[in-house]
Amino acid sequence: MTVPPVATVAALYRHPVKGFTPEPLDRAALTAGQAFPGDRLRAIEIGPSGFDPAAPAHISKMRFTVLARLPQIAQVRTRWDEATDTLSLTAPGAPDLTVRLGDPVQERALELWLTDVLGEEATAPLRLLDGAGHRFMDDPAGAVSVLNLASVRDLESRLRRPVDPLRFRANVWVEGWPAWVENDAAGRTLTLGGARLTGIKPIVRCAATHVDPATGVRDLNLVAALHDLYGHRWCGLYCSVDTDGAIAVGDPAELN
Protein backbone atom coordinates (compact mmCIF):
# COMPACT_ATOMS: atom_id res chain seq x y z
CA MET A 1 0.00 0.00 0.00
CA THR A 2 1.39 3.41 -0.98
CA VAL A 3 1.61 5.93 1.84
CA PRO A 4 0.84 9.51 0.78
CA PRO A 5 3.75 11.96 1.28
CA VAL A 6 1.52 14.45 3.11
CA ALA A 7 1.40 12.46 6.36
CA THR A 8 2.48 14.47 9.38
CA VAL A 9 3.22 14.14 13.08
CA ALA A 10 -0.07 15.15 14.72
CA ALA A 11 0.98 14.96 18.38
CA LEU A 12 3.79 13.90 20.69
CA TYR A 13 3.43 12.51 24.21
CA ARG A 14 5.66 11.33 27.02
CA HIS A 15 4.63 9.41 30.15
CA PRO A 16 7.24 10.22 32.81
CA VAL A 17 5.69 7.87 35.39
CA LYS A 18 4.39 4.60 33.99
CA GLY A 19 0.60 4.41 34.04
CA PHE A 20 0.02 8.08 34.81
CA THR A 21 -0.79 11.25 32.88
CA PRO A 22 0.38 11.60 29.25
CA GLU A 23 2.18 14.91 28.76
CA PRO A 24 1.93 16.62 25.34
CA LEU A 25 5.09 17.99 23.74
CA ASP A 26 5.66 20.34 20.84
CA ARG A 27 8.98 18.70 19.95
CA ALA A 28 11.43 16.05 21.10
CA ALA A 29 14.99 15.03 20.28
CA LEU A 30 15.28 11.33 19.43
CA THR A 31 18.59 9.55 19.99
CA ALA A 32 19.75 6.43 18.16
CA GLY A 33 19.29 3.30 20.25
CA GLN A 34 17.37 5.15 22.95
CA ALA A 35 13.74 5.36 24.05
CA PHE A 36 11.45 8.36 23.60
CA PRO A 37 12.78 11.18 25.81
CA GLY A 38 11.16 11.49 29.23
CA ASP A 39 9.05 8.38 28.74
CA ARG A 40 8.43 5.70 31.43
CA LEU A 41 11.39 6.88 33.50
CA ARG A 42 9.78 5.80 36.74
CA ALA A 43 7.11 3.38 37.94
CA ILE A 44 5.25 2.67 41.16
CA GLU A 45 5.30 -0.95 42.21
CA ILE A 46 2.54 -2.65 44.21
CA GLY A 47 4.37 -4.88 46.66
CA PRO A 48 7.81 -6.24 45.75
CA SER A 49 7.97 -6.30 41.95
CA GLY A 50 11.32 -8.02 41.66
CA PHE A 51 12.89 -5.01 39.97
CA ASP A 52 16.61 -4.87 40.69
CA PRO A 53 18.16 -1.43 39.98
CA ALA A 54 21.59 -3.07 39.87
CA ALA A 55 20.45 -5.39 37.08
CA PRO A 56 17.38 -3.72 35.51
CA ALA A 57 15.25 -5.95 33.35
CA HIS A 58 11.78 -5.98 31.84
CA ILE A 59 8.99 -6.76 34.33
CA SER A 60 5.28 -7.32 33.70
CA LYS A 61 3.27 -4.12 33.90
CA MET A 62 0.79 -5.85 36.21
CA ARG A 63 3.27 -5.44 39.07
CA PHE A 64 2.87 -1.67 38.84
CA THR A 65 0.15 0.94 39.24
CA VAL A 66 -1.13 0.86 35.67
CA LEU A 67 -4.55 1.33 34.10
CA ALA A 68 -4.86 -2.35 33.21
CA ARG A 69 -4.77 -3.13 36.92
CA LEU A 70 -6.11 0.05 38.56
CA PRO A 71 -8.32 2.04 36.16
CA GLN A 72 -9.00 4.70 38.80
CA ILE A 73 -5.45 6.04 38.52
CA ALA A 74 -6.66 7.86 35.40
CA GLN A 75 -8.22 10.32 37.85
CA VAL A 76 -4.78 11.09 39.27
CA ARG A 77 -3.25 13.92 37.28
CA THR A 78 0.52 14.21 37.27
CA ARG A 79 2.91 16.78 35.82
CA TRP A 80 6.67 16.37 35.70
CA ASP A 81 8.95 19.42 35.73
CA GLU A 82 12.03 18.14 33.98
CA ALA A 83 14.25 21.08 34.95
CA THR A 84 13.72 20.58 38.69
CA ASP A 85 12.80 16.86 38.60
CA THR A 86 9.64 17.56 40.59
CA LEU A 87 6.31 15.81 40.19
CA SER A 88 2.98 17.47 40.92
CA LEU A 89 -0.09 15.34 41.61
CA THR A 90 -3.79 16.03 41.99
CA ALA A 91 -6.75 13.70 42.58
CA PRO A 92 -10.43 14.17 43.50
CA GLY A 93 -10.84 14.52 47.25
CA ALA A 94 -7.10 14.64 47.95
CA PRO A 95 -4.80 17.58 48.72
CA ASP A 96 -2.49 18.63 45.92
CA LEU A 97 1.05 17.36 46.26
CA THR A 98 4.39 18.34 44.73
CA VAL A 99 7.52 16.30 45.48
CA ARG A 100 11.15 16.46 44.49
CA LEU A 101 12.03 13.13 42.96
CA GLY A 102 15.19 11.52 44.23
CA ASP A 103 14.52 12.76 47.77
CA PRO A 104 13.63 9.67 49.86
CA VAL A 105 11.49 11.63 52.31
CA GLN A 106 9.47 13.33 49.59
CA GLU A 107 9.12 10.13 47.61
CA ARG A 108 7.75 8.45 50.73
CA ALA A 109 5.19 11.25 50.97
CA LEU A 110 4.14 10.50 47.40
CA GLU A 111 3.74 6.80 48.18
CA LEU A 112 1.60 7.54 51.24
CA TRP A 113 -0.49 10.08 49.31
CA LEU A 114 -1.21 7.59 46.53
CA THR A 115 -1.97 4.85 49.07
CA ASP A 116 -4.65 7.11 50.57
CA VAL A 117 -6.05 7.93 47.12
CA LEU A 118 -6.30 4.26 46.12
CA GLY A 119 -7.73 3.13 49.45
CA GLU A 120 -8.44 -0.59 49.60
CA GLU A 121 -7.20 -0.99 46.02
CA ALA A 122 -3.67 -0.49 47.33
CA THR A 123 -3.39 -4.16 48.24
CA ALA A 124 0.34 -4.03 49.02
CA PRO A 125 2.87 -1.33 49.88
CA LEU A 126 3.59 1.15 47.10
CA ARG A 127 7.13 2.15 46.18
CA LEU A 128 8.37 4.59 43.58
CA LEU A 129 11.08 3.12 41.37
CA ASP A 130 13.64 5.08 39.38
CA GLY A 131 14.89 3.22 36.33
CA ALA A 132 18.15 5.23 36.34
CA GLY A 133 18.33 4.78 32.58
CA HIS A 134 16.09 1.71 32.40
CA ARG A 135 12.65 2.36 30.92
CA PHE A 136 9.55 0.67 32.33
CA MET A 137 8.06 -0.31 28.97
CA ASP A 138 5.16 -2.71 28.45
CA ASP A 139 7.36 -4.51 25.92
CA PRO A 140 11.17 -4.57 25.69
CA ALA A 141 10.87 -3.59 22.02
CA GLY A 142 8.84 -0.49 22.79
CA ALA A 143 11.46 2.27 22.44
CA VAL A 144 9.04 4.54 20.56
CA SER A 145 5.35 3.86 20.03
CA VAL A 146 3.54 5.25 16.99
CA LEU A 147 -0.24 5.53 16.60
CA ASN A 148 -1.95 5.88 13.22
CA LEU A 149 -4.99 8.12 13.75
CA ALA A 150 -6.69 6.76 10.63
CA SER A 151 -6.74 3.32 12.26
CA VAL A 152 -8.39 4.77 15.36
CA ARG A 153 -11.02 6.46 13.20
CA ASP A 154 -11.70 3.22 11.33
CA LEU A 155 -12.20 1.50 14.67
CA GLU A 156 -14.54 4.30 15.76
CA SER A 157 -16.62 3.94 12.61
CA ARG A 158 -17.08 0.22 13.17
CA LEU A 159 -17.88 0.62 16.85
CA ARG A 160 -20.13 3.62 16.13
CA ARG A 161 -18.74 5.51 19.09
CA PRO A 162 -15.79 7.80 19.79
CA VAL A 163 -12.44 6.29 20.79
CA ASP A 164 -10.02 8.71 22.44
CA PRO A 165 -6.52 8.15 21.00
CA LEU A 166 -5.15 8.75 24.51
CA ARG A 167 -6.40 5.26 25.39
CA PHE A 168 -3.40 3.89 23.46
CA ARG A 169 -0.74 5.89 25.36
CA ALA A 170 1.49 6.31 22.30
CA ASN A 171 4.46 8.64 21.90
CA VAL A 172 3.83 9.75 18.31
CA TRP A 173 0.47 10.25 16.63
CA VAL A 174 0.51 10.29 12.81
CA GLU A 175 -2.12 11.84 10.56
CA GLY A 176 -2.31 10.99 6.85
CA TRP A 177 -1.44 7.29 6.61
CA PRO A 178 -4.01 4.78 5.36
CA ALA A 179 -5.79 2.91 8.13
CA TRP A 180 -3.87 -0.10 9.45
CA VAL A 181 -0.85 0.35 7.15
CA GLU A 182 1.28 0.07 10.30
CA ASN A 183 0.32 -3.59 10.70
CA ASP A 184 2.69 -4.44 7.85
CA ALA A 185 5.45 -2.02 8.84
CA ALA A 186 7.81 -4.35 10.74
CA GLY A 187 11.26 -3.95 9.20
CA ARG A 188 10.27 -0.84 7.27
CA THR A 189 11.90 2.58 7.65
CA LEU A 190 10.06 5.53 9.16
CA THR A 191 11.25 9.10 8.84
CA LEU A 192 9.70 11.30 11.52
CA GLY A 193 10.97 14.84 11.25
CA GLY A 194 14.75 14.60 11.24
CA ALA A 195 14.96 11.13 12.78
CA ARG A 196 15.00 7.74 11.09
CA LEU A 197 13.40 4.75 12.80
CA THR A 198 12.68 1.10 12.01
CA GLY A 199 9.31 -0.54 12.60
CA ILE A 200 9.70 -3.46 15.02
CA LYS A 201 6.24 -4.96 15.47
CA PRO A 202 2.56 -4.06 15.90
CA ILE A 203 1.48 -3.25 19.44
CA VAL A 204 -0.72 -5.89 21.05
CA ARG A 205 -3.32 -4.10 23.13
CA CYS A 206 -4.38 -4.88 26.70
CA ALA A 207 -7.10 -3.90 29.18
CA ALA A 208 -5.54 -0.46 29.71
CA THR A 209 -7.35 0.62 26.53
CA HIS A 210 -10.70 -0.28 28.14
CA VAL A 211 -10.35 2.69 30.50
CA ASP A 212 -11.75 6.12 29.67
CA PRO A 213 -8.70 8.36 30.22
CA ALA A 214 -10.92 11.20 31.45
CA THR A 215 -13.02 9.30 34.00
CA GLY A 216 -11.02 6.21 34.97
CA VAL A 217 -14.03 3.99 34.17
CA ARG A 218 -13.77 0.76 32.18
CA ASP A 219 -16.39 1.49 29.56
CA LEU A 220 -15.21 -0.22 26.37
CA ASN A 221 -13.67 -3.63 25.72
CA LEU A 222 -11.29 -2.67 22.94
CA VAL A 223 -9.29 -5.89 23.10
CA ALA A 224 -12.38 -7.94 22.25
CA ALA A 225 -13.47 -5.35 19.67
CA LEU A 226 -10.15 -5.48 17.83
CA HIS A 227 -10.23 -9.27 17.77
CA ASP A 228 -13.85 -9.49 16.66
CA LEU A 229 -13.62 -6.75 14.02
CA TYR A 230 -10.15 -7.37 12.60
CA GLY A 231 -8.95 -10.76 13.81
CA HIS A 232 -6.04 -9.27 15.78
CA ARG A 233 -5.41 -7.20 18.90
CA TRP A 234 -3.07 -4.67 17.31
CA CYS A 235 -3.25 -0.90 17.29
CA GLY A 236 0.01 1.00 16.85
CA LEU A 237 3.62 0.22 16.02
CA TYR A 238 6.73 -0.22 18.15
CA CYS A 239 9.84 1.32 16.60
CA SER A 240 13.54 1.61 17.29
CA VAL A 241 15.52 4.79 16.64
CA ASP A 242 18.28 4.42 14.03
CA THR A 243 19.58 7.98 13.70
CA ASP A 244 19.47 11.03 15.94
CA GLY A 245 17.03 13.71 14.96
CA ALA A 246 14.55 16.29 16.14
CA ILE A 247 10.84 15.64 15.74
CA ALA A 248 8.08 18.23 16.08
CA VAL A 249 4.33 18.44 15.67
CA GLY A 250 3.66 19.16 12.00
CA ASP A 251 6.78 17.43 10.74
CA PRO A 252 6.53 14.96 7.83
CA ALA A 253 5.92 11.31 8.76
CA GLU A 254 7.09 9.01 5.99
CA LEU A 255 6.82 5.22 5.91
CA ASN A 256 9.07 3.63 3.32
Foldseek 3Di string as FASTA:
>chain_A
DDFDQQKAFAWFWADLEAAADTDTDQKFWDAFQAAGPNHQQKFKFQADQVADLVDGDAGAPCRTPHLLLQLQNLQWHWDADVVQRKIWIDHPPADTDIFRPPDVVRQVVVQVRVCVVCDVSSVGGMGMDGNVRDGHDNDPLARFWEFEVQQQVVLCVVVVHHQDPVLVVGGTYMYRTHHPPLQPQAQWWKCAAPWIKGWHHFDQDGQSSLHDSNRSDRDDDLQVSCCVVPVGRGGITGIGTHHIDMHGGGTTIDID
